[in-house]
PDB file of N, CA and C in Angstrom:
ATOM      1  N   MET A   1      52.515  51.305  29.650  1.00  0.00           N
ATOM      2  CA  MET A   1      53.078  51.778  28.401  1.00  0.00           C
ATOM      3  C   MET A   1      54.367  52.543  28.691  1.00  0.00           C
ATOM      4  N   VAL A   2      55.379  52.280  27.899  1.00  0.00           N
ATOM      5  CA  VAL A   2      56.668  52.936  28.041  1.00  0.00           C
ATOM      6  C   VAL A   2      56.788  54.018  26.978  1.00  0.00           C
ATOM      7  N   LEU A   3      57.097  55.227  27.410  1.00  0.00           N
ATOM      8  CA  LEU A   3      57.286  56.346  26.488  1.00  0.00           C
ATOM      9  C   LEU A   3      58.775  56.563  26.268  1.00  0.00           C
ATOM     10  N   THR A   4      59.153  56.819  25.029  1.00  0.00           N
ATOM     11  CA  THR A   4      60.557  57.085  24.729  1.00  0.00           C
ATOM     12  C   THR A   4      60.767  58.572  24.494  1.00  0.00           C
ATOM     13  N   CYS A   5      61.988  58.992  24.659  1.00  0.00           N
ATOM     14  CA  CYS A   5      62.353  60.395  24.492  1.00  0.00           C
ATOM     15  C   CYS A   5      62.255  60.783  23.020  1.00  0.00           C
ATOM     16  N   PRO A   6      61.522  61.863  22.694  1.00  0.00           N
ATOM     17  CA  PRO A   6      61.422  62.280  21.294  1.00  0.00           C
ATOM     18  C   PRO A   6      62.713  62.898  20.760  1.00  0.00           C
ATOM     19  N   PHE A   7      63.659  63.223  21.633  1.00  0.00           N
ATOM     20  CA  PHE A   7      64.918  63.839  21.198  1.00  0.00           C
ATOM     21  C   PHE A   7      65.983  62.789  20.896  1.00  0.00           C
ATOM     22  N   CYS A   8      66.274  61.910  21.864  1.00  0.00           N
ATOM     23  CA  CYS A   8      67.328  60.912  21.646  1.00  0.00           C
ATOM     24  C   CYS A   8      66.769  59.555  21.220  1.00  0.00           C
ATOM     25  N   LYS A   9      65.475  59.334  21.394  1.00  0.00           N
ATOM     26  CA  LYS A   9      64.759  58.134  20.961  1.00  0.00           C
ATOM     27  C   LYS A   9      65.345  56.834  21.504  1.00  0.00           C
ATOM     28  N   VAL A  10      66.026  56.900  22.639  1.00  0.00           N
ATOM     29  CA  VAL A  10      66.676  55.708  23.169  1.00  0.00           C
ATOM     30  C   VAL A  10      66.109  55.296  24.518  1.00  0.00           C
ATOM     31  N   THR A  11      65.911  56.229  25.389  1.00  0.00           N
ATOM     32  CA  THR A  11      65.609  55.876  26.773  1.00  0.00           C
ATOM     33  C   THR A  11      64.146  56.081  27.129  1.00  0.00           C
ATOM     34  N   HIS A  12      63.819  55.640  28.291  1.00  0.00           N
ATOM     35  CA  HIS A  12      62.477  55.827  28.827  1.00  0.00           C
ATOM     36  C   HIS A  12      62.403  57.167  29.555  1.00  0.00           C
ATOM     37  N   LEU A  13      61.242  57.756  29.537  1.00  0.00           N
ATOM     38  CA  LEU A  13      61.024  59.023  30.228  1.00  0.00           C
ATOM     39  C   LEU A  13      60.564  58.754  31.654  1.00  0.00           C
ATOM     40  N   THR A  14      60.973  59.620  32.553  1.00  0.00           N
ATOM     41  CA  THR A  14      60.541  59.521  33.944  1.00  0.00           C
ATOM     42  C   THR A  14      59.712  60.749  34.298  1.00  0.00           C
ATOM     43  N   LYS A  15      58.843  60.595  35.277  1.00  0.00           N
ATOM     44  CA  LYS A  15      57.992  61.700  35.711  1.00  0.00           C
ATOM     45  C   LYS A  15      58.805  62.710  36.515  1.00  0.00           C
ATOM     46  N   GLN A  16      58.527  63.984  36.287  1.00  0.00           N
ATOM     47  CA  GLN A  16      59.164  65.067  37.026  1.00  0.00           C
ATOM     48  C   GLN A  16      58.149  65.855  37.849  1.00  0.00           C
ATOM     49  N   GLY A  17      56.917  65.406  37.895  1.00  0.00           N
ATOM     50  CA  GLY A  17      55.878  66.135  38.600  1.00  0.00           C
ATOM     51  C   GLY A  17      55.019  66.930  37.632  1.00  0.00           C
ATOM     52  N   LEU A  18      54.114  67.713  38.178  1.00  0.00           N
ATOM     53  CA  LEU A  18      53.209  68.495  37.337  1.00  0.00           C
ATOM     54  C   LEU A  18      53.956  69.588  36.596  1.00  0.00           C
ATOM     55  N   TYR A  19      53.563  69.793  35.328  1.00  0.00           N
ATOM     56  CA  TYR A  19      54.108  70.885  34.538  1.00  0.00           C
ATOM     57  C   TYR A  19      53.603  72.197  35.129  1.00  0.00           C
ATOM     58  N   ARG A  20      54.420  73.221  35.128  1.00  0.00           N
ATOM     59  CA  ARG A  20      54.119  74.466  35.847  1.00  0.00           C
ATOM     60  C   ARG A  20      52.955  75.270  35.271  1.00  0.00           C
ATOM     61  N   LEU A  21      52.605  75.047  34.007  1.00  0.00           N
ATOM     62  CA  LEU A  21      51.506  75.784  33.387  1.00  0.00           C
ATOM     63  C   LEU A  21      50.320  74.865  33.122  1.00  0.00           C
ATOM     64  N   THR A  22      49.133  75.422  33.248  1.00  0.00           N
ATOM     65  CA  THR A  22      47.920  74.693  32.895  1.00  0.00           C
ATOM     66  C   THR A  22      47.306  75.365  31.672  1.00  0.00           C
ATOM     67  N   ARG A  23      46.348  74.710  31.045  1.00  0.00           N
ATOM     68  CA  ARG A  23      45.652  75.285  29.907  1.00  0.00           C
ATOM     69  C   ARG A  23      44.163  75.329  30.218  1.00  0.00           C
ATOM     70  N   ILE A  24      43.529  76.393  29.790  1.00  0.00           N
ATOM     71  CA  ILE A  24      42.081  76.490  29.871  1.00  0.00           C
ATOM     72  C   ILE A  24      41.536  75.947  28.559  1.00  0.00           C
ATOM     73  N   VAL A  25      40.641  74.972  28.658  1.00  0.00           N
ATOM     74  CA  VAL A  25      40.101  74.296  27.486  1.00  0.00           C
ATOM     75  C   VAL A  25      38.655  74.731  27.273  1.00  0.00           C
ATOM     76  N   LEU A  26      38.345  75.142  26.058  1.00  0.00           N
ATOM     77  CA  LEU A  26      36.985  75.509  25.685  1.00  0.00           C
ATOM     78  C   LEU A  26      36.197  74.240  25.406  1.00  0.00           C
ATOM     79  N   ASP A  27      35.076  74.074  26.110  1.00  0.00           N
ATOM     80  CA  ASP A  27      34.176  72.953  25.885  1.00  0.00           C
ATOM     81  C   ASP A  27      32.864  73.497  25.325  1.00  0.00           C
ATOM     82  N   ILE A  28      31.907  72.651  25.045  1.00  0.00           N
ATOM     83  CA  ILE A  28      30.638  73.080  24.450  1.00  0.00           C
ATOM     84  C   ILE A  28      29.897  74.080  25.330  1.00  0.00           C
ATOM     85  N   ASP A  29      29.796  73.796  26.605  1.00  0.00           N
ATOM     86  CA  ASP A  29      29.007  74.643  27.491  1.00  0.00           C
ATOM     87  C   ASP A  29      29.792  75.263  28.642  1.00  0.00           C
ATOM     88  N   SER A  30      31.107  75.079  28.657  1.00  0.00           N
ATOM     89  CA  SER A  30      31.911  75.622  29.758  1.00  0.00           C
ATOM     90  C   SER A  30      33.395  75.585  29.386  1.00  0.00           C
ATOM     91  N   PHE A  31      34.211  75.856  30.358  1.00  0.00           N
ATOM     92  CA  PHE A  31      35.656  75.733  30.245  1.00  0.00           C
ATOM     93  C   PHE A  31      36.122  74.753  31.316  1.00  0.00           C
ATOM     94  N   TYR A  32      37.251  74.111  31.094  1.00  0.00           N
ATOM     95  CA  TYR A  32      37.879  73.326  32.154  1.00  0.00           C
ATOM     96  C   TYR A  32      39.385  73.502  32.083  1.00  0.00           C
ATOM     97  N   ILE A  33      40.054  73.144  33.157  1.00  0.00           N
ATOM     98  CA  ILE A  33      41.499  73.337  33.253  1.00  0.00           C
ATOM     99  C   ILE A  33      42.194  72.004  33.014  1.00  0.00           C
ATOM    100  N   LEU A  34      43.223  72.025  32.185  1.00  0.00           N
ATOM    101  CA  LEU A  34      43.990  70.834  31.860  1.00  0.00           C
ATOM    102  C   LEU A  34      45.398  70.979  32.436  1.00  0.00           C
ATOM    103  N   ALA A  35      45.825  69.971  33.169  1.00  0.00           N
ATOM    104  CA  ALA A  35      47.189  69.921  33.718  1.00  0.00           C
ATOM    105  C   ALA A  35      47.867  68.670  33.169  1.00  0.00           C
ATOM    106  N   THR A  36      49.182  68.647  33.182  1.00  0.00           N
ATOM    107  CA  THR A  36      49.922  67.496  32.659  1.00  0.00           C
ATOM    108  C   THR A  36      51.199  67.275  33.449  1.00  0.00           C
ATOM    109  N   GLU A  37      51.816  66.127  33.212  1.00  0.00           N
ATOM    110  CA  GLU A  37      53.108  65.800  33.805  1.00  0.00           C
ATOM    111  C   GLU A  37      54.234  66.421  32.982  1.00  0.00           C
ATOM    112  N   SER A  38      55.301  66.722  33.660  1.00  0.00           N
ATOM    113  CA  SER A  38      56.544  67.069  32.993  1.00  0.00           C
ATOM    114  C   SER A  38      57.369  65.786  32.969  1.00  0.00           C
ATOM    115  N   LEU A  39      57.873  65.410  31.803  1.00  0.00           N
ATOM    116  CA  LEU A  39      58.621  64.167  31.648  1.00  0.00           C
ATOM    117  C   LEU A  39      60.090  64.483  31.398  1.00  0.00           C
ATOM    118  N   HIS A  40      60.984  63.680  31.968  1.00  0.00           N
ATOM    119  CA  HIS A  40      62.426  63.941  31.903  1.00  0.00           C
ATOM    120  C   HIS A  40      63.152  62.735  31.318  1.00  0.00           C
ATOM    121  N   CYS A  41      64.069  62.993  30.388  1.00  0.00           N
ATOM    122  CA  CYS A  41      64.894  61.936  29.811  1.00  0.00           C
ATOM    123  C   CYS A  41      66.174  61.805  30.632  1.00  0.00           C
ATOM    124  N   VAL A  42      66.436  60.610  31.107  1.00  0.00           N
ATOM    125  CA  VAL A  42      67.608  60.375  31.942  1.00  0.00           C
ATOM    126  C   VAL A  42      68.897  60.501  31.130  1.00  0.00           C
ATOM    127  N   LYS A  43      68.844  60.141  29.847  1.00  0.00           N
ATOM    128  CA  LYS A  43      70.054  60.158  29.032  1.00  0.00           C
ATOM    129  C   LYS A  43      70.421  61.549  28.521  1.00  0.00           C
ATOM    130  N   CYS A  44      69.514  62.204  27.791  1.00  0.00           N
ATOM    131  CA  CYS A  44      69.863  63.502  27.184  1.00  0.00           C
ATOM    132  C   CYS A  44      69.500  64.692  28.082  1.00  0.00           C
ATOM    133  N   LYS A  45      68.850  64.423  29.216  1.00  0.00           N
ATOM    134  CA  LYS A  45      68.530  65.442  30.237  1.00  0.00           C
ATOM    135  C   LYS A  45      67.521  66.488  29.784  1.00  0.00           C
ATOM    136  N   LYS A  46      66.780  66.210  28.705  1.00  0.00           N
ATOM    137  CA  LYS A  46      65.776  67.164  28.233  1.00  0.00           C
ATOM    138  C   LYS A  46      64.417  66.825  28.826  1.00  0.00           C
ATOM    139  N   ASN A  47      63.594  67.849  28.959  1.00  0.00           N
ATOM    140  CA  ASN A  47      62.247  67.678  29.484  1.00  0.00           C
ATOM    141  C   ASN A  47      61.239  67.767  28.352  1.00  0.00           C
ATOM    142  N   GLN A  48      60.115  67.117  28.550  1.00  0.00           N
ATOM    143  CA  GLN A  48      59.049  67.093  27.558  1.00  0.00           C
ATOM    144  C   GLN A  48      57.726  67.258  28.294  1.00  0.00           C
ATOM    145  N   ILE A  49      56.802  67.967  27.684  1.00  0.00           N
ATOM    146  CA  ILE A  49      55.480  68.175  28.269  1.00  0.00           C
ATOM    147  C   ILE A  49      54.598  66.996  27.867  1.00  0.00           C
ATOM    148  N   GLY A  50      53.815  66.502  28.809  1.00  0.00           N
ATOM    149  CA  GLY A  50      52.989  65.328  28.573  1.00  0.00           C
ATOM    150  C   GLY A  50      51.954  65.468  27.480  1.00  0.00           C
ATOM    151  N   TRP A  51      51.505  66.680  27.164  1.00  0.00           N
ATOM    152  CA  TRP A  51      50.481  66.842  26.128  1.00  0.00           C
ATOM    153  C   TRP A  51      51.078  67.180  24.765  1.00  0.00           C
ATOM    154  N   SER A  52      52.378  67.097  24.629  1.00  0.00           N
ATOM    155  CA  SER A  52      53.001  67.413  23.331  1.00  0.00           C
ATOM    156  C   SER A  52      52.658  66.338  22.299  1.00  0.00           C
ATOM    157  N   GLU A  53      52.655  66.716  21.046  1.00  0.00           N
ATOM    158  CA  GLU A  53      52.346  65.779  19.964  1.00  0.00           C
ATOM    159  C   GLU A  53      53.329  64.614  19.942  1.00  0.00           C
ATOM    160  N   ALA A  54      54.602  64.882  20.258  1.00  0.00           N
ATOM    161  CA  ALA A  54      55.609  63.821  20.247  1.00  0.00           C
ATOM    162  C   ALA A  54      55.279  62.727  21.262  1.00  0.00           C
ATOM    163  N   ILE A  55      54.674  63.093  22.365  1.00  0.00           N
ATOM    164  CA  ILE A  55      54.271  62.116  23.378  1.00  0.00           C
ATOM    165  C   ILE A  55      52.940  61.486  22.990  1.00  0.00           C
ATOM    166  N   LEU A  56      51.967  62.292  22.603  1.00  0.00           N
ATOM    167  CA  LEU A  56      50.649  61.763  22.251  1.00  0.00           C
ATOM    168  C   LEU A  56      50.716  60.805  21.063  1.00  0.00           C
ATOM    169  N   ASP A  57      51.636  61.031  20.138  1.00  0.00           N
ATOM    170  CA  ASP A  57      51.771  60.159  18.971  1.00  0.00           C
ATOM    171  C   ASP A  57      52.264  58.757  19.339  1.00  0.00           C
ATOM    172  N   GLN A  58      52.842  58.591  20.514  1.00  0.00           N
ATOM    173  CA  GLN A  58      53.320  57.288  20.953  1.00  0.00           C
ATOM    174  C   GLN A  58      52.205  56.431  21.560  1.00  0.00           C
ATOM    175  N   LEU A  59      51.058  57.022  21.820  1.00  0.00           N
ATOM    176  CA  LEU A  59      49.953  56.299  22.440  1.00  0.00           C
ATOM    177  C   LEU A  59      49.168  55.509  21.400  1.00  0.00           C
ATOM    178  N   ASP A  60      48.621  54.384  21.817  1.00  0.00           N
ATOM    179  CA  ASP A  60      47.778  53.615  20.911  1.00  0.00           C
ATOM    180  C   ASP A  60      46.471  54.387  20.694  1.00  0.00           C
ATOM    181  N   PRO A  61      45.757  54.117  19.607  1.00  0.00           N
ATOM    182  CA  PRO A  61      44.550  54.896  19.289  1.00  0.00           C
ATOM    183  C   PRO A  61      43.486  54.891  20.397  1.00  0.00           C
ATOM    184  N   ALA A  62      43.321  53.775  21.082  1.00  0.00           N
ATOM    185  CA  ALA A  62      42.307  53.720  22.148  1.00  0.00           C
ATOM    186  C   ALA A  62      42.662  54.658  23.291  1.00  0.00           C
ATOM    187  N   THR A  63      43.913  54.678  23.683  1.00  0.00           N
ATOM    188  CA  THR A  63      44.356  55.577  24.760  1.00  0.00           C
ATOM    189  C   THR A  63      44.330  57.017  24.286  1.00  0.00           C
ATOM    190  N   ARG A  64      44.767  57.249  23.076  1.00  0.00           N
ATOM    191  CA  ARG A  64      44.792  58.604  22.514  1.00  0.00           C
ATOM    192  C   ARG A  64      43.391  59.203  22.438  1.00  0.00           C
ATOM    193  N   SER A  65      42.388  58.368  22.173  1.00  0.00           N
ATOM    194  CA  SER A  65      41.026  58.868  22.046  1.00  0.00           C
ATOM    195  C   SER A  65      40.459  59.349  23.383  1.00  0.00           C
ATOM    196  N   THR A  66      41.078  58.985  24.496  1.00  0.00           N
ATOM    197  CA  THR A  66      40.616  59.470  25.793  1.00  0.00           C
ATOM    198  C   THR A  66      41.155  60.862  26.108  1.00  0.00           C
ATOM    199  N   PHE A  67      41.977  61.403  25.228  1.00  0.00           N
ATOM    200  CA  PHE A  67      42.499  62.763  25.366  1.00  0.00           C
ATOM    201  C   PHE A  67      41.722  63.646  24.394  1.00  0.00           C
ATOM    202  N   PRO A  68      40.590  64.213  24.831  1.00  0.00           N
ATOM    203  CA  PRO A  68      39.671  64.882  23.912  1.00  0.00           C
ATOM    204  C   PRO A  68      39.975  66.361  23.674  1.00  0.00           C
ATOM    205  N   VAL A  69      41.237  66.690  23.525  1.00  0.00           N
ATOM    206  CA  VAL A  69      41.607  68.100  23.431  1.00  0.00           C
ATOM    207  C   VAL A  69      42.512  68.323  22.228  1.00  0.00           C
ATOM    208  N   GLN A  70      42.237  69.393  21.496  1.00  0.00           N
ATOM    209  CA  GLN A  70      43.125  69.838  20.426  1.00  0.00           C
ATOM    210  C   GLN A  70      43.952  70.988  20.998  1.00  0.00           C
ATOM    211  N   MET A  71      45.240  70.757  21.150  1.00  0.00           N
ATOM    212  CA  MET A  71      46.115  71.759  21.752  1.00  0.00           C
ATOM    213  C   MET A  71      46.542  72.772  20.697  1.00  0.00           C
ATOM    214  N   MET A  72      46.584  74.051  21.113  1.00  0.00           N
ATOM    215  CA  MET A  72      47.090  75.119  20.275  1.00  0.00           C
ATOM    216  C   MET A  72      48.184  75.843  21.068  1.00  0.00           C
ATOM    217  N   TYR A  73      48.807  76.824  20.495  1.00  0.00           N
ATOM    218  CA  TYR A  73      49.949  77.460  21.145  1.00  0.00           C
ATOM    219  C   TYR A  73      49.602  78.030  22.514  1.00  0.00           C
ATOM    220  N   HIS A  74      48.569  78.827  22.617  1.00  0.00           N
ATOM    221  CA  HIS A  74      48.197  79.435  23.896  1.00  0.00           C
ATOM    222  C   HIS A  74      46.850  78.978  24.427  1.00  0.00           C
ATOM    223  N   SER A  75      46.168  78.123  23.708  1.00  0.00           N
ATOM    224  CA  SER A  75      44.827  77.730  24.121  1.00  0.00           C
ATOM    225  C   SER A  75      44.593  76.264  23.785  1.00  0.00           C
ATOM    226  N   ALA A  76      43.396  75.806  24.102  1.00  0.00           N
ATOM    227  CA  ALA A  76      43.031  74.427  23.792  1.00  0.00           C
ATOM    228  C   ALA A  76      41.531  74.360  23.584  1.00  0.00           C
ATOM    229  N   CYS A  77      41.101  73.397  22.786  1.00  0.00           N
ATOM    230  CA  CYS A  77      39.695  73.264  22.457  1.00  0.00           C
ATOM    231  C   CYS A  77      39.308  71.789  22.552  1.00  0.00           C
ATOM    232  N   ASP A  78      38.187  71.515  23.194  1.00  0.00           N
ATOM    233  CA  ASP A  78      37.693  70.149  23.298  1.00  0.00           C
ATOM    234  C   ASP A  78      37.266  69.673  21.910  1.00  0.00           C
ATOM    235  N   THR A  79      37.498  68.413  21.614  1.00  0.00           N
ATOM    236  CA  THR A  79      37.171  67.895  20.289  1.00  0.00           C
ATOM    237  C   THR A  79      35.671  67.904  20.011  1.00  0.00           C
ATOM    238  N   ARG A  80      34.833  67.938  21.034  1.00  0.00           N
ATOM    239  CA  ARG A  80      33.387  68.039  20.807  1.00  0.00           C
ATOM    240  C   ARG A  80      33.038  69.364  20.142  1.00  0.00           C
ATOM    241  N   VAL A  81      33.730  70.435  20.504  1.00  0.00           N
ATOM    242  CA  VAL A  81      33.507  71.733  19.876  1.00  0.00           C
ATOM    243  C   VAL A  81      33.936  71.693  18.416  1.00  0.00           C
ATOM    244  N   ILE A  82      35.078  71.099  18.161  1.00  0.00           N
ATOM    245  CA  ILE A  82      35.580  70.991  16.785  1.00  0.00           C
ATOM    246  C   ILE A  82      34.614  70.174  15.946  1.00  0.00           C
ATOM    247  N   TYR A  83      34.095  69.072  16.493  1.00  0.00           N
ATOM    248  CA  TYR A  83      33.132  68.247  15.783  1.00  0.00           C
ATOM    249  C   TYR A  83      31.876  69.043  15.412  1.00  0.00           C
ATOM    250  N   LEU A  84      31.357  69.804  16.374  1.00  0.00           N
ATOM    251  CA  LEU A  84      30.161  70.608  16.103  1.00  0.00           C
ATOM    252  C   LEU A  84      30.416  71.674  15.041  1.00  0.00           C
ATOM    253  N   LEU A  85      31.575  72.304  15.076  1.00  0.00           N
ATOM    254  CA  LEU A  85      31.898  73.314  14.086  1.00  0.00           C
ATOM    255  C   LEU A  85      32.024  72.732  12.684  1.00  0.00           C
ATOM    256  N   ARG A  86      32.585  71.532  12.589  1.00  0.00           N
ATOM    257  CA  ARG A  86      32.741  70.896  11.279  1.00  0.00           C
ATOM    258  C   ARG A  86      31.419  70.431  10.690  1.00  0.00           C
ATOM    259  N   HIS A  87      30.460  70.081  11.546  1.00  0.00           N
ATOM    260  CA  HIS A  87      29.207  69.490  11.072  1.00  0.00           C
ATOM    261  C   HIS A  87      28.003  70.442  11.152  1.00  0.00           C
ATOM    262  N   ARG A  88      28.264  71.685  11.372  1.00  0.00           N
ATOM    263  CA  ARG A  88      27.112  72.616  11.390  1.00  0.00           C
ATOM    264  C   ARG A  88      26.756  72.980   9.961  1.00  0.00           C
ATOM    265  N   GLY A  89      25.514  73.345   9.790  1.00  0.00           N
ATOM    266  CA  GLY A  89      24.959  73.541   8.475  1.00  0.00           C
ATOM    267  C   GLY A  89      25.327  74.765   7.779  1.00  0.00           C
TER     268      GLY A  89
END
């Protein structure tokens, strides 16, 4: 799959290595750490984080469904937790 730059929408993004920050994700019975790639646009020279909505929105639904995390500004929550909260009595 080819990802395009969300800023200039013209070129392909290249990998820049791991993004410097990780996120702690709340799961049903524990926490886990999420890391991502930093992506770089060759044309406009801007960087993008792999878990950003602009990148995730480019994925097909089957691939997107394998990313079970709802990202927030400083935290993240596994979608299983969100599902349980929505369906509790």
